[in-house]
Full PDB file with SEQRES, HELIX, SHEET, SSBOND, CRYST1, ORIGX, SCALE, CONECT and MASTER records, all heavy atoms in Angstrom:
SEQRES   1 A   37  PHE ALA THR THR VAL GLU SER LEU LEU ILE PRO VAL SER          
SEQRES   2 A   37  MET LEU LEU GLN ILE SER ILE LEU TYR PHE ILE ASN MET          
SEQRES   3 A   37  LEU ASN ALA ASN ASN VAL ALA ILE ALA PHE LEU                  
HELIX    1 AA1 ALA A    2  THR A    3  1                                   2    
HELIX    2 AA2 THR A    4  LEU A    8  3                                   5    
HELIX    3 AA3 LEU A    9  PHE A   23  1                                  15    
HELIX    4 AA4 ALA A   29  PHE A   36  1                                   8    
CRYST1    1.000    1.000    1.000  90.00  90.00  90.00 P 1           1          
ORIGX1      1.000000  0.000000  0.000000        0.00000                         
ORIGX2      0.000000  1.000000  0.000000        0.00000                         
ORIGX3      0.000000  0.000000  1.000000        0.00000                         
SCALE1      1.000000  0.000000  0.000000        0.00000                         
SCALE2      0.000000  1.000000  0.000000        0.00000                         
SCALE3      0.000000  0.000000  1.000000        0.00000                         
ATOM      1  N   PHE A   1       6.827 -15.970   5.686  1.00  0.00           N  
ATOM      2  CA  PHE A   1       7.501 -14.716   5.180  1.00  0.00           C  
ATOM      3  C   PHE A   1       6.955 -14.353   3.755  1.00  0.00           C  
ATOM      4  O   PHE A   1       6.762 -13.230   3.513  1.00  0.00           O  
ATOM      5  CB  PHE A   1       8.980 -14.853   5.059  1.00  0.00           C  
ATOM      6  CG  PHE A   1       9.667 -14.795   6.487  1.00  0.00           C  
ATOM      7  CD1 PHE A   1      10.799 -15.652   6.686  1.00  0.00           C  
ATOM      8  CD2 PHE A   1       9.228 -13.934   7.413  1.00  0.00           C  
ATOM      9  CE1 PHE A   1      11.272 -15.646   7.942  1.00  0.00           C  
ATOM     10  CE2 PHE A   1       9.864 -13.875   8.705  1.00  0.00           C  
ATOM     11  CZ  PHE A   1      10.961 -14.738   8.938  1.00  0.00           C  
ATOM     12  N   ALA A   2       6.690 -15.405   2.996  1.00  0.00           N  
ATOM     13  CA  ALA A   2       6.124 -15.038   1.643  1.00  0.00           C  
ATOM     14  C   ALA A   2       4.741 -14.519   1.756  1.00  0.00           C  
ATOM     15  O   ALA A   2       4.404 -13.510   0.974  1.00  0.00           O  
ATOM     16  CB  ALA A   2       6.083 -16.402   0.841  1.00  0.00           C  
ATOM     17  N   THR A   3       3.930 -15.004   2.627  1.00  0.00           N  
ATOM     18  CA  THR A   3       2.664 -14.328   2.838  1.00  0.00           C  
ATOM     19  C   THR A   3       2.729 -12.933   3.330  1.00  0.00           C  
ATOM     20  O   THR A   3       2.028 -11.978   2.887  1.00  0.00           O  
ATOM     21  CB  THR A   3       1.871 -15.161   3.886  1.00  0.00           C  
ATOM     22  OG1 THR A   3       1.693 -16.505   3.447  1.00  0.00           O  
ATOM     23  CG2 THR A   3       0.457 -14.604   4.159  1.00  0.00           C  
ATOM     24  N   THR A   4       3.711 -12.650   4.158  1.00  0.00           N  
ATOM     25  CA  THR A   4       3.945 -11.252   4.688  1.00  0.00           C  
ATOM     26  C   THR A   4       4.274 -10.355   3.543  1.00  0.00           C  
ATOM     27  O   THR A   4       3.837  -9.194   3.437  1.00  0.00           O  
ATOM     28  CB  THR A   4       4.998 -11.228   5.737  1.00  0.00           C  
ATOM     29  OG1 THR A   4       4.629 -12.141   6.784  1.00  0.00           O  
ATOM     30  CG2 THR A   4       5.203  -9.870   6.325  1.00  0.00           C  
ATOM     31  N   VAL A   5       5.204 -10.840   2.590  1.00  0.00           N  
ATOM     32  CA  VAL A   5       5.661 -10.002   1.565  1.00  0.00           C  
ATOM     33  C   VAL A   5       4.596  -9.716   0.524  1.00  0.00           C  
ATOM     34  O   VAL A   5       4.417  -8.595   0.137  1.00  0.00           O  
ATOM     35  CB  VAL A   5       6.908 -10.707   0.919  1.00  0.00           C  
ATOM     36  CG1 VAL A   5       7.305 -10.007  -0.516  1.00  0.00           C  
ATOM     37  CG2 VAL A   5       8.123 -10.639   1.845  1.00  0.00           C  
ATOM     38  N   GLU A   6       3.880 -10.761   0.124  1.00  0.00           N  
ATOM     39  CA  GLU A   6       2.965 -10.617  -1.007  1.00  0.00           C  
ATOM     40  C   GLU A   6       1.620 -10.128  -0.587  1.00  0.00           C  
ATOM     41  O   GLU A   6       0.815  -9.604  -1.440  1.00  0.00           O  
ATOM     42  CB  GLU A   6       2.870 -11.943  -1.747  1.00  0.00           C  
ATOM     43  CG  GLU A   6       2.018 -13.031  -1.034  1.00  0.00           C  
ATOM     44  CD  GLU A   6       1.945 -14.304  -1.736  1.00  0.00           C  
ATOM     45  OE1 GLU A   6       2.876 -14.609  -2.428  1.00  0.00           O  
ATOM     46  OE2 GLU A   6       0.941 -14.995  -1.618  1.00  0.00           O  
ATOM     47  N   SER A   7       1.199 -10.216   0.684  1.00  0.00           N  
ATOM     48  CA  SER A   7      -0.164  -9.791   1.000  1.00  0.00           C  
ATOM     49  C   SER A   7      -0.325  -8.927   2.207  1.00  0.00           C  
ATOM     50  O   SER A   7      -1.375  -8.264   2.348  1.00  0.00           O  
ATOM     51  CB  SER A   7      -0.888 -11.134   1.394  1.00  0.00           C  
ATOM     52  OG  SER A   7      -0.942 -12.023   0.288  1.00  0.00           O  
ATOM     53  N   LEU A   8       0.656  -8.746   3.084  1.00  0.00           N  
ATOM     54  CA  LEU A   8       0.500  -8.054   4.302  1.00  0.00           C  
ATOM     55  C   LEU A   8       1.094  -6.636   4.309  1.00  0.00           C  
ATOM     56  O   LEU A   8       0.461  -5.694   4.730  1.00  0.00           O  
ATOM     57  CB  LEU A   8       0.991  -8.886   5.432  1.00  0.00           C  
ATOM     58  CG  LEU A   8       0.777  -8.286   6.831  1.00  0.00           C  
ATOM     59  CD1 LEU A   8      -0.741  -8.085   7.204  1.00  0.00           C  
ATOM     60  CD2 LEU A   8       1.391  -9.144   7.917  1.00  0.00           C  
ATOM     61  N   LEU A   9       2.316  -6.524   3.865  1.00  0.00           N  
ATOM     62  CA  LEU A   9       3.089  -5.273   4.012  1.00  0.00           C  
ATOM     63  C   LEU A   9       2.447  -4.116   3.289  1.00  0.00           C  
ATOM     64  O   LEU A   9       2.438  -2.955   3.749  1.00  0.00           O  
ATOM     65  CB  LEU A   9       4.572  -5.480   3.594  1.00  0.00           C  
ATOM     66  CG  LEU A   9       5.361  -6.417   4.454  1.00  0.00           C  
ATOM     67  CD1 LEU A   9       6.806  -6.470   3.914  1.00  0.00           C  
ATOM     68  CD2 LEU A   9       5.386  -5.904   5.901  1.00  0.00           C  
ATOM     69  N   ILE A  10       2.035  -4.339   2.015  1.00  0.00           N  
ATOM     70  CA  ILE A  10       1.512  -3.259   1.161  1.00  0.00           C  
ATOM     71  C   ILE A  10       0.230  -2.664   1.825  1.00  0.00           C  
ATOM     72  O   ILE A  10       0.135  -1.442   1.941  1.00  0.00           O  
ATOM     73  CB  ILE A  10       1.364  -3.738  -0.240  1.00  0.00           C  
ATOM     74  CG1 ILE A  10       2.705  -3.922  -0.953  1.00  0.00           C  
ATOM     75  CG2 ILE A  10       0.570  -2.701  -1.038  1.00  0.00           C  
ATOM     76  CD1 ILE A  10       2.635  -4.485  -2.368  1.00  0.00           C  
ATOM     77  N   PRO A  11      -0.808  -3.540   2.246  1.00  0.00           N  
ATOM     78  CA  PRO A  11      -2.029  -2.990   2.848  1.00  0.00           C  
ATOM     79  C   PRO A  11      -1.769  -2.173   4.147  1.00  0.00           C  
ATOM     80  O   PRO A  11      -2.322  -1.161   4.374  1.00  0.00           O  
ATOM     81  CB  PRO A  11      -2.814  -4.220   3.030  1.00  0.00           C  
ATOM     82  CG  PRO A  11      -2.370  -5.188   2.146  1.00  0.00           C  
ATOM     83  CD  PRO A  11      -0.986  -5.006   1.929  1.00  0.00           C  
ATOM     84  N   VAL A  12      -0.815  -2.672   4.941  1.00  0.00           N  
ATOM     85  CA  VAL A  12      -0.453  -2.002   6.190  1.00  0.00           C  
ATOM     86  C   VAL A  12       0.136  -0.573   5.812  1.00  0.00           C  
ATOM     87  O   VAL A  12      -0.275   0.433   6.447  1.00  0.00           O  
ATOM     88  CB  VAL A  12       0.549  -2.789   7.045  1.00  0.00           C  
ATOM     89  CG1 VAL A  12       1.060  -2.004   8.182  1.00  0.00           C  
ATOM     90  CG2 VAL A  12      -0.213  -4.118   7.554  1.00  0.00           C  
ATOM     91  N   SER A  13       1.100  -0.576   4.880  1.00  0.00           N  
ATOM     92  CA  SER A  13       1.706   0.706   4.527  1.00  0.00           C  
ATOM     93  C   SER A  13       0.755   1.606   3.934  1.00  0.00           C  
ATOM     94  O   SER A  13       0.604   2.831   4.265  1.00  0.00           O  
ATOM     95  CB  SER A  13       2.817   0.434   3.591  1.00  0.00           C  
ATOM     96  OG  SER A  13       3.436   1.589   3.104  1.00  0.00           O  
ATOM     97  N   MET A  14      -0.206   1.143   3.084  1.00  0.00           N  
ATOM     98  CA  MET A  14      -1.181   1.964   2.438  1.00  0.00           C  
ATOM     99  C   MET A  14      -2.135   2.580   3.488  1.00  0.00           C  
ATOM    100  O   MET A  14      -2.479   3.816   3.427  1.00  0.00           O  
ATOM    101  CB  MET A  14      -2.010   1.108   1.514  1.00  0.00           C  
ATOM    102  CG  MET A  14      -1.258   0.841   0.146  1.00  0.00           C  
ATOM    103  SD  MET A  14      -1.092   2.350  -0.887  1.00  0.00           S  
ATOM    104  CE  MET A  14      -2.800   2.671  -1.271  1.00  0.00           C  
ATOM    105  N   LEU A  15      -2.566   1.808   4.464  1.00  0.00           N  
ATOM    106  CA  LEU A  15      -3.485   2.343   5.460  1.00  0.00           C  
ATOM    107  C   LEU A  15      -2.758   3.398   6.299  1.00  0.00           C  
ATOM    108  O   LEU A  15      -3.484   4.429   6.673  1.00  0.00           O  
ATOM    109  CB  LEU A  15      -3.919   1.186   6.488  1.00  0.00           C  
ATOM    110  CG  LEU A  15      -4.942   0.315   5.941  1.00  0.00           C  
ATOM    111  CD1 LEU A  15      -5.183  -0.892   6.915  1.00  0.00           C  
ATOM    112  CD2 LEU A  15      -6.302   0.999   5.879  1.00  0.00           C  
ATOM    113  N   LEU A  16      -1.488   3.268   6.594  1.00  0.00           N  
ATOM    114  CA  LEU A  16      -0.773   4.347   7.345  1.00  0.00           C  
ATOM    115  C   LEU A  16      -0.750   5.544   6.558  1.00  0.00           C  
ATOM    116  O   LEU A  16      -1.021   6.705   6.984  1.00  0.00           O  
ATOM    117  CB  LEU A  16       0.661   3.842   7.699  1.00  0.00           C  
ATOM    118  CG  LEU A  16       0.732   2.726   8.758  1.00  0.00           C  
ATOM    119  CD1 LEU A  16       2.174   2.270   8.891  1.00  0.00           C  
ATOM    120  CD2 LEU A  16       0.173   3.194  10.091  1.00  0.00           C  
ATOM    121  N   GLN A  17      -0.363   5.502   5.235  1.00  0.00           N  
ATOM    122  CA  GLN A  17      -0.268   6.618   4.391  1.00  0.00           C  
ATOM    123  C   GLN A  17      -1.706   7.283   4.079  1.00  0.00           C  
ATOM    124  O   GLN A  17      -1.777   8.529   4.035  1.00  0.00           O  
ATOM    125  CB  GLN A  17       0.446   6.281   3.100  1.00  0.00           C  
ATOM    126  CG  GLN A  17       1.896   5.847   3.235  1.00  0.00           C  
ATOM    127  CD  GLN A  17       2.491   5.503   1.941  1.00  0.00           C  
ATOM    128  OE1 GLN A  17       2.933   6.415   1.198  1.00  0.00           O  
ATOM    129  NE2 GLN A  17       2.734   4.237   1.670  1.00  0.00           N  
ATOM    130  N   ILE A  18      -2.653   6.526   3.877  1.00  0.00           N  
ATOM    131  CA  ILE A  18      -3.986   7.044   3.656  1.00  0.00           C  
ATOM    132  C   ILE A  18      -4.534   7.835   4.905  1.00  0.00           C  
ATOM    133  O   ILE A  18      -5.103   8.905   4.820  1.00  0.00           O  
ATOM    134  CB  ILE A  18      -4.960   5.898   3.340  1.00  0.00           C  
ATOM    135  CG1 ILE A  18      -4.669   5.353   1.930  1.00  0.00           C  
ATOM    136  CG2 ILE A  18      -6.388   6.384   3.361  1.00  0.00           C  
ATOM    137  CD1 ILE A  18      -5.513   4.186   1.576  1.00  0.00           C  
ATOM    138  N   SER A  19      -4.203   7.256   6.092  1.00  0.00           N  
ATOM    139  CA  SER A  19      -4.467   8.037   7.339  1.00  0.00           C  
ATOM    140  C   SER A  19      -3.861   9.357   7.382  1.00  0.00           C  
ATOM    141  O   SER A  19      -4.467  10.405   7.746  1.00  0.00           O  
ATOM    142  CB  SER A  19      -4.140   7.126   8.589  1.00  0.00           C  
ATOM    143  OG  SER A  19      -4.814   5.945   8.590  1.00  0.00           O  
ATOM    144  N   ILE A  20      -2.556   9.379   7.106  1.00  0.00           N  
ATOM    145  CA  ILE A  20      -1.829  10.686   7.074  1.00  0.00           C  
ATOM    146  C   ILE A  20      -2.409  11.587   6.038  1.00  0.00           C  
ATOM    147  O   ILE A  20      -2.643  12.877   6.315  1.00  0.00           O  
ATOM    148  CB  ILE A  20      -0.339  10.454   6.862  1.00  0.00           C  
ATOM    149  CG1 ILE A  20       0.238   9.631   7.884  1.00  0.00           C  
ATOM    150  CG2 ILE A  20       0.421  11.794   6.608  1.00  0.00           C  
ATOM    151  CD1 ILE A  20       1.673   9.163   7.681  1.00  0.00           C  
ATOM    152  N   LEU A  21      -2.688  11.131   4.835  1.00  0.00           N  
ATOM    153  CA  LEU A  21      -3.274  11.972   3.749  1.00  0.00           C  
ATOM    154  C   LEU A  21      -4.582  12.484   4.188  1.00  0.00           C  
ATOM    155  O   LEU A  21      -4.940  13.696   3.860  1.00  0.00           O  
ATOM    156  CB  LEU A  21      -3.373  11.177   2.478  1.00  0.00           C  
ATOM    157  CG  LEU A  21      -2.039  10.839   1.824  1.00  0.00           C  
ATOM    158  CD1 LEU A  21      -2.358   9.844   0.619  1.00  0.00           C  
ATOM    159  CD2 LEU A  21      -1.356  12.044   1.266  1.00  0.00           C  
ATOM    160  N   TYR A  22      -5.375  11.772   4.869  1.00  0.00           N  
ATOM    161  CA  TYR A  22      -6.756  12.182   5.350  1.00  0.00           C  
ATOM    162  C   TYR A  22      -6.685  13.279   6.353  1.00  0.00           C  
ATOM    163  O   TYR A  22      -7.329  14.285   6.219  1.00  0.00           O  
ATOM    164  CB  TYR A  22      -7.470  11.051   5.901  1.00  0.00           C  
ATOM    165  CG  TYR A  22      -8.820  11.370   6.461  1.00  0.00           C  
ATOM    166  CD1 TYR A  22      -9.896  11.711   5.537  1.00  0.00           C  
ATOM    167  CD2 TYR A  22      -9.090  11.442   7.782  1.00  0.00           C  
ATOM    168  CE1 TYR A  22     -11.194  12.003   6.119  1.00  0.00           C  
ATOM    169  CE2 TYR A  22     -10.303  11.791   8.329  1.00  0.00           C  
ATOM    170  CZ  TYR A  22     -11.351  12.090   7.470  1.00  0.00           C  
ATOM    171  OH  TYR A  22     -12.585  12.507   7.969  1.00  0.00           O  
ATOM    172  N   PHE A  23      -5.749  13.145   7.394  1.00  0.00           N  
ATOM    173  CA  PHE A  23      -5.635  14.187   8.366  1.00  0.00           C  
ATOM    174  C   PHE A  23      -4.973  15.539   7.886  1.00  0.00           C  
ATOM    175  O   PHE A  23      -5.307  16.531   8.469  1.00  0.00           O  
ATOM    176  CB  PHE A  23      -4.843  13.572   9.526  1.00  0.00           C  
ATOM    177  CG  PHE A  23      -5.642  12.631  10.392  1.00  0.00           C  
ATOM    178  CD1 PHE A  23      -5.315  11.289  10.451  1.00  0.00           C  
ATOM    179  CD2 PHE A  23      -6.782  13.094  11.063  1.00  0.00           C  
ATOM    180  CE1 PHE A  23      -6.013  10.433  11.173  1.00  0.00           C  
ATOM    181  CE2 PHE A  23      -7.494  12.164  11.880  1.00  0.00           C  
ATOM    182  CZ  PHE A  23      -7.124  10.882  11.950  1.00  0.00           C  
ATOM    183  N   ILE A  24      -4.188  15.388   6.852  1.00  0.00           N  
ATOM    184  CA  ILE A  24      -3.650  16.657   6.294  1.00  0.00           C  
ATOM    185  C   ILE A  24      -4.444  17.194   5.087  1.00  0.00           C  
ATOM    186  O   ILE A  24      -4.020  18.084   4.420  1.00  0.00           O  
ATOM    187  CB  ILE A  24      -2.161  16.452   5.896  1.00  0.00           C  
ATOM    188  CG1 ILE A  24      -2.003  15.459   4.700  1.00  0.00           C  
ATOM    189  CG2 ILE A  24      -1.388  16.088   7.096  1.00  0.00           C  
ATOM    190  CD1 ILE A  24      -0.625  15.216   4.260  1.00  0.00           C  
ATOM    191  N   ASN A  25      -5.559  16.567   4.865  1.00  0.00           N  
ATOM    192  CA  ASN A  25      -6.623  16.996   3.860  1.00  0.00           C  
ATOM    193  C   ASN A  25      -5.946  16.982   2.430  1.00  0.00           C  
ATOM    194  O   ASN A  25      -6.215  17.887   1.667  1.00  0.00           O  
ATOM    195  CB  ASN A  25      -7.115  18.421   4.217  1.00  0.00           C  
ATOM    196  CG  ASN A  25      -8.405  18.667   3.479  1.00  0.00           C  
ATOM    197  OD1 ASN A  25      -9.190  17.812   3.141  1.00  0.00           O  
ATOM    198  ND2 ASN A  25      -8.601  19.985   3.204  1.00  0.00           N  
ATOM    199  N   MET A  26      -5.302  15.835   2.194  1.00  0.00           N  
ATOM    200  CA  MET A  26      -4.670  15.726   0.840  1.00  0.00           C  
ATOM    201  C   MET A  26      -5.075  14.322   0.206  1.00  0.00           C  
ATOM    202  O   MET A  26      -4.401  13.842  -0.605  1.00  0.00           O  
ATOM    203  CB  MET A  26      -3.148  15.842   0.837  1.00  0.00           C  
ATOM    204  CG  MET A  26      -2.645  17.135   1.251  1.00  0.00           C  
ATOM    205  SD  MET A  26      -0.846  17.323   1.276  1.00  0.00           S  
ATOM    206  CE  MET A  26      -0.474  16.950  -0.457  1.00  0.00           C  
ATOM    207  N   LEU A  27      -6.177  13.762   0.657  1.00  0.00           N  
ATOM    208  CA  LEU A  27      -6.563  12.483   0.168  1.00  0.00           C  
ATOM    209  C   LEU A  27      -7.396  12.564  -1.147  1.00  0.00           C  
ATOM    210  O   LEU A  27      -8.418  13.133  -1.183  1.00  0.00           O  
ATOM    211  CB  LEU A  27      -7.486  11.789   1.235  1.00  0.00           C  
ATOM    212  CG  LEU A  27      -7.853  10.331   0.884  1.00  0.00           C  
ATOM    213  CD1 LEU A  27      -6.594   9.437   0.810  1.00  0.00           C  
ATOM    214  CD2 LEU A  27      -8.817   9.763   2.007  1.00  0.00           C  
ATOM    215  N   ASN A  28      -6.721  12.078  -2.210  1.00  0.00           N  
ATOM    216  CA  ASN A  28      -7.404  11.981  -3.509  1.00  0.00           C  
ATOM    217  C   ASN A  28      -6.835  10.787  -4.261  1.00  0.00           C  
ATOM    218  O   ASN A  28      -5.887  10.138  -3.772  1.00  0.00           O  
ATOM    219  CB  ASN A  28      -7.244  13.268  -4.297  1.00  0.00           C  
ATOM    220  CG  ASN A  28      -5.791  13.709  -4.388  1.00  0.00           C  
ATOM    221  OD1 ASN A  28      -4.956  12.935  -4.863  1.00  0.00           O  
ATOM    222  ND2 ASN A  28      -5.478  14.993  -4.080  1.00  0.00           N  
ATOM    223  N   ALA A  29      -7.372  10.457  -5.365  1.00  0.00           N  
ATOM    224  CA  ALA A  29      -6.952   9.319  -6.199  1.00  0.00           C  
ATOM    225  C   ALA A  29      -5.458   9.389  -6.553  1.00  0.00           C  
ATOM    226  O   ALA A  29      -4.747   8.371  -6.543  1.00  0.00           O  
ATOM    227  CB  ALA A  29      -7.849   9.118  -7.343  1.00  0.00           C  
ATOM    228  N   ASN A  30      -5.014  10.590  -6.949  1.00  0.00           N  
ATOM    229  CA  ASN A  30      -3.670  10.770  -7.362  1.00  0.00           C  
ATOM    230  C   ASN A  30      -2.643  10.453  -6.264  1.00  0.00           C  
ATOM    231  O   ASN A  30      -1.663   9.791  -6.391  1.00  0.00           O  
ATOM    232  CB  ASN A  30      -3.489  12.141  -7.869  1.00  0.00           C  
ATOM    233  CG  ASN A  30      -2.083  12.373  -8.479  1.00  0.00           C  
ATOM    234  OD1 ASN A  30      -1.631  11.568  -9.389  1.00  0.00           O  
ATOM    235  ND2 ASN A  30      -1.381  13.332  -8.062  1.00  0.00           N  
ATOM    236  N   ASN A  31      -2.964  10.970  -5.064  1.00  0.00           N  
ATOM    237  CA  ASN A  31      -2.052  10.775  -3.937  1.00  0.00           C  
ATOM    238  C   ASN A  31      -2.081   9.342  -3.368  1.00  0.00           C  
ATOM    239  O   ASN A  31      -1.060   8.827  -2.917  1.00  0.00           O  
ATOM    240  CB  ASN A  31      -2.385  11.732  -2.796  1.00  0.00           C  
ATOM    241  CG  ASN A  31      -1.969  13.188  -3.081  1.00  0.00           C  
ATOM    242  OD1 ASN A  31      -1.077  13.367  -3.844  1.00  0.00           O  
ATOM    243  ND2 ASN A  31      -2.627  14.149  -2.489  1.00  0.00           N  
ATOM    244  N   VAL A  32      -3.237   8.635  -3.554  1.00  0.00           N  
ATOM    245  CA  VAL A  32      -3.335   7.200  -3.177  1.00  0.00           C  
ATOM    246  C   VAL A  32      -2.414   6.463  -4.122  1.00  0.00           C  
ATOM    247  O   VAL A  32      -1.790   5.453  -3.642  1.00  0.00           O  
ATOM    248  CB  VAL A  32      -4.768   6.732  -3.313  1.00  0.00           C  
ATOM    249  CG1 VAL A  32      -4.875   5.225  -3.130  1.00  0.00           C  
ATOM    250  CG2 VAL A  32      -5.596   7.413  -2.191  1.00  0.00           C  
ATOM    251  N   ALA A  33      -2.397   6.790  -5.442  1.00  0.00           N  
ATOM    252  CA  ALA A  33      -1.434   6.106  -6.352  1.00  0.00           C  
ATOM    253  C   ALA A  33      -0.010   6.304  -5.946  1.00  0.00           C  
ATOM    254  O   ALA A  33       0.786   5.397  -6.041  1.00  0.00           O  
ATOM    255  CB  ALA A  33      -1.791   6.595  -7.776  1.00  0.00           C  
ATOM    256  N   ILE A  34       0.274   7.526  -5.577  1.00  0.00           N  
ATOM    257  CA  ILE A  34       1.684   7.772  -5.035  1.00  0.00           C  
ATOM    258  C   ILE A  34       2.004   6.982  -3.847  1.00  0.00           C  
ATOM    259  O   ILE A  34       3.136   6.300  -3.724  1.00  0.00           O  
ATOM    260  CB  ILE A  34       1.861   9.241  -4.743  1.00  0.00           C  
ATOM    261  CG1 ILE A  34       1.721  10.029  -6.103  1.00  0.00           C  
ATOM    262  CG2 ILE A  34       3.243   9.536  -4.086  1.00  0.00           C  
ATOM    263  CD1 ILE A  34       1.711  11.568  -5.841  1.00  0.00           C  
ATOM    264  N   ALA A  35       0.997   6.793  -2.923  1.00  0.00           N  
ATOM    265  CA  ALA A  35       1.190   6.077  -1.726  1.00  0.00           C  
ATOM    266  C   ALA A  35       1.420   4.567  -2.100  1.00  0.00           C  
ATOM    267  O   ALA A  35       2.236   3.874  -1.390  1.00  0.00           O  
ATOM    268  CB  ALA A  35       0.053   6.156  -0.834  1.00  0.00           C  
ATOM    269  N   PHE A  36       0.764   4.100  -3.143  1.00  0.00           N  
ATOM    270  CA  PHE A  36       0.962   2.639  -3.525  1.00  0.00           C  
ATOM    271  C   PHE A  36       2.304   2.445  -4.009  1.00  0.00           C  
ATOM    272  O   PHE A  36       2.971   1.486  -3.854  1.00  0.00           O  
ATOM    273  CB  PHE A  36      -0.077   2.327  -4.574  1.00  0.00           C  
ATOM    274  CG  PHE A  36      -0.054   0.899  -4.981  1.00  0.00           C  
ATOM    275  CD1 PHE A  36      -0.623  -0.068  -4.249  1.00  0.00           C  
ATOM    276  CD2 PHE A  36       0.497   0.608  -6.251  1.00  0.00           C  
ATOM    277  CE1 PHE A  36      -0.481  -1.428  -4.558  1.00  0.00           C  
ATOM    278  CE2 PHE A  36       0.530  -0.828  -6.630  1.00  0.00           C  
ATOM    279  CZ  PHE A  36       0.009  -1.784  -5.731  1.00  0.00           C  
ATOM    280  N   LEU A  37       2.891   3.443  -4.850  1.00  0.00           N  
ATOM    281  CA  LEU A  37       4.198   3.349  -5.284  1.00  0.00           C  
ATOM    282  C   LEU A  37       5.257   3.196  -4.221  1.00  0.00           C  
ATOM    283  O   LEU A  37       6.178   2.403  -4.206  1.00  0.00           O  
ATOM    284  CB  LEU A  37       4.579   4.461  -6.228  1.00  0.00           C  
ATOM    285  CG  LEU A  37       5.995   4.659  -6.719  1.00  0.00           C  
ATOM    286  CD1 LEU A  37       6.429   3.440  -7.498  1.00  0.00           C  
ATOM    287  CD2 LEU A  37       6.187   5.863  -7.557  1.00  0.00           C  
TER     288      LEU A  37                                                      
MASTER        0    0    0    4    0    0    0    6  287    1    0    3          
END                                                                             
């Protein structure tokens, strides 16, 4: 569970959000930072 929390969940969530931002043509550094938050 520790491995899941510290290493897995954030990259999975980021990939999902980056995919959405790309398809709605809003992918930039600022929105990636928001997705990380």
